[in-house]
Amino acid sequence: MLAESAKNLVPKFFDETGTTYDGVVSYGTLGKDKYWKKKILQQISNGNSFLDLACGTGILTRKIAEKFPNAKIVGIDITKSYLDVAKKNSNSFDNISNWIQSLIALPHHICQNIVTRKYL
């Protein structure tokens, strides 16, 4: 019951911050978020399908799509406003899909590699 309650609180807390999230993260991490994303990308050497778990506004999702243009990339998040930004900024990528989804309900066969990160 507690996990379900926490899952429901995330969208309520974050849903109004989609358009300002990237700036807040950059400011809050003193720009280190860009460095961390670069380091994450360096750790990914190959693959033809990726799941970006808690993709937020899709910055890393797009970086993965640029590095692996022939791969299928799925970005999932439970916060609609973040995915709205991700979809808008990813519309030039044919290999990215964004879903409002929790990991718990995700089909197990969806991808080969899972990418996730936590900054704060």
Protein backbone atom coordinates (compact mmCIF):
# COMPACT_ATOMS: atom_id res chain seq x y z
CA MET A 1 0.00 0.00 0.00
CA LEU A 2 2.81 2.43 0.84
CA ALA A 3 4.57 1.82 -2.52
CA GLU A 4 1.34 2.50 -4.37
CA SER A 5 0.83 5.70 -2.41
CA ALA A 6 4.38 6.88 -3.19
CA LYS A 7 3.90 6.04 -6.88
CA ASN A 8 0.77 8.16 -6.96
CA LEU A 9 2.47 11.08 -5.21
CA VAL A 10 5.23 11.45 -7.81
CA PRO A 11 3.00 12.71 -10.64
CA LYS A 12 1.11 14.97 -8.25
CA PHE A 13 4.33 16.51 -6.98
CA PHE A 14 6.17 16.81 -10.31
CA ASP A 15 3.44 17.20 -12.93
CA GLU A 16 3.52 21.00 -12.96
CA THR A 17 7.32 21.16 -13.36
CA GLY A 18 7.84 19.60 -16.80
CA THR A 19 8.72 22.81 -18.60
CA THR A 20 11.17 23.99 -15.92
CA TYR A 21 12.71 20.66 -14.88
CA ASP A 22 15.78 20.72 -17.15
CA GLY A 23 16.78 24.18 -15.98
CA VAL A 24 16.26 23.32 -12.34
CA VAL A 25 18.37 20.15 -12.65
CA SER A 26 21.16 22.00 -14.46
CA TYR A 27 21.14 24.75 -11.85
CA GLY A 28 20.79 22.36 -8.92
CA THR A 29 23.68 20.18 -10.08
CA LEU A 30 25.82 23.16 -11.14
CA GLY A 31 25.78 21.77 -14.68
CA LYS A 32 27.14 18.36 -13.62
CA ASP A 33 24.06 16.62 -15.06
CA LYS A 34 25.53 17.07 -18.56
CA TYR A 35 28.78 15.44 -17.42
CA TRP A 36 26.88 12.55 -15.80
CA LYS A 37 24.88 11.93 -18.99
CA LYS A 38 28.10 11.91 -21.00
CA LYS A 39 29.58 9.34 -18.60
CA ILE A 40 26.44 7.19 -18.86
CA LEU A 41 26.69 7.26 -22.67
CA GLN A 42 30.33 6.19 -22.47
CA GLN A 43 29.25 3.09 -20.54
CA ILE A 44 26.87 1.98 -23.31
CA SER A 45 28.89 0.20 -25.97
CA ASN A 46 26.25 -1.52 -28.09
CA GLY A 47 22.65 -2.58 -28.35
CA ASN A 48 19.67 -2.49 -30.63
CA SER A 49 16.99 -1.65 -28.06
CA PHE A 50 17.08 0.51 -24.95
CA LEU A 51 14.68 1.44 -22.19
CA ASP A 52 15.32 4.78 -20.56
CA LEU A 53 13.64 4.27 -17.20
CA ALA A 54 12.36 7.48 -15.59
CA CYS A 55 13.37 9.33 -18.75
CA GLY A 56 11.97 12.65 -17.57
CA THR A 57 12.13 15.17 -20.39
CA GLY A 58 14.11 12.79 -22.60
CA ILE A 59 17.54 14.43 -22.76
CA LEU A 60 19.42 11.16 -22.25
CA THR A 61 16.89 9.31 -24.42
CA ARG A 62 17.79 11.57 -27.34
CA LYS A 63 21.52 11.19 -26.68
CA ILE A 64 21.12 7.41 -26.83
CA ALA A 65 19.14 7.77 -30.08
CA GLU A 66 21.92 9.90 -31.56
CA LYS A 67 24.60 7.38 -30.55
CA PHE A 68 22.54 4.39 -31.78
CA PRO A 69 20.47 5.68 -34.71
CA ASN A 70 19.36 2.18 -35.74
CA ALA A 71 18.28 1.14 -32.24
CA LYS A 72 14.77 1.25 -30.83
CA ILE A 73 14.63 3.46 -27.75
CA VAL A 74 11.68 3.61 -25.35
CA GLY A 75 11.55 6.34 -22.73
CA ILE A 76 9.15 5.76 -19.87
CA ASP A 77 8.11 8.02 -17.05
CA ILE A 78 5.07 8.36 -14.83
CA THR A 79 4.92 12.14 -15.08
CA LYS A 80 2.84 13.34 -18.03
CA SER A 81 4.25 16.88 -18.22
CA TYR A 82 7.79 15.51 -18.49
CA LEU A 83 6.78 13.15 -21.28
CA ASP A 84 5.01 16.00 -23.06
CA VAL A 85 8.36 17.83 -23.16
CA ALA A 86 10.19 14.64 -24.15
CA LYS A 87 7.78 13.97 -27.02
CA LYS A 88 7.98 17.55 -28.27
CA ASN A 89 11.79 17.53 -28.21
CA SER A 90 12.04 14.04 -29.72
CA ASN A 91 9.66 14.43 -32.65
CA SER A 92 12.54 14.43 -35.17
CA PHE A 93 13.67 10.98 -33.99
CA ASP A 94 12.04 7.99 -35.68
CA ASN A 95 13.60 5.55 -33.21
CA ILE A 96 12.18 6.99 -29.96
CA SER A 97 8.87 6.10 -28.33
CA ASN A 98 7.76 7.71 -25.06
CA TRP A 99 5.25 6.03 -22.78
CA ILE A 100 3.53 7.00 -19.55
CA GLN A 101 4.31 3.80 -17.72
CA SER A 102 5.70 2.44 -14.50
CA LEU A 103 8.33 -0.26 -14.54
CA ILE A 104 5.98 -2.59 -12.69
CA ALA A 105 3.48 -2.68 -15.58
CA LEU A 106 6.07 -2.79 -18.37
CA PRO A 107 6.14 -5.88 -20.62
CA HIS A 108 9.31 -7.83 -19.81
CA HIS A 109 10.32 -8.29 -23.46
CA ILE A 110 10.30 -4.60 -24.36
CA CYS A 111 14.05 -4.07 -24.71
CA GLN A 112 17.55 -5.40 -24.44
CA ASN A 113 19.20 -2.70 -22.30
CA ILE A 114 17.80 -0.63 -19.44
CA VAL A 115 19.28 2.78 -18.68
CA THR A 116 18.42 4.67 -15.53
CA ARG A 117 20.04 7.29 -13.38
CA LYS A 118 19.44 9.28 -10.26
CA TYR A 119 21.00 12.65 -9.59
CA LEU A 120 19.45 14.22 -6.57
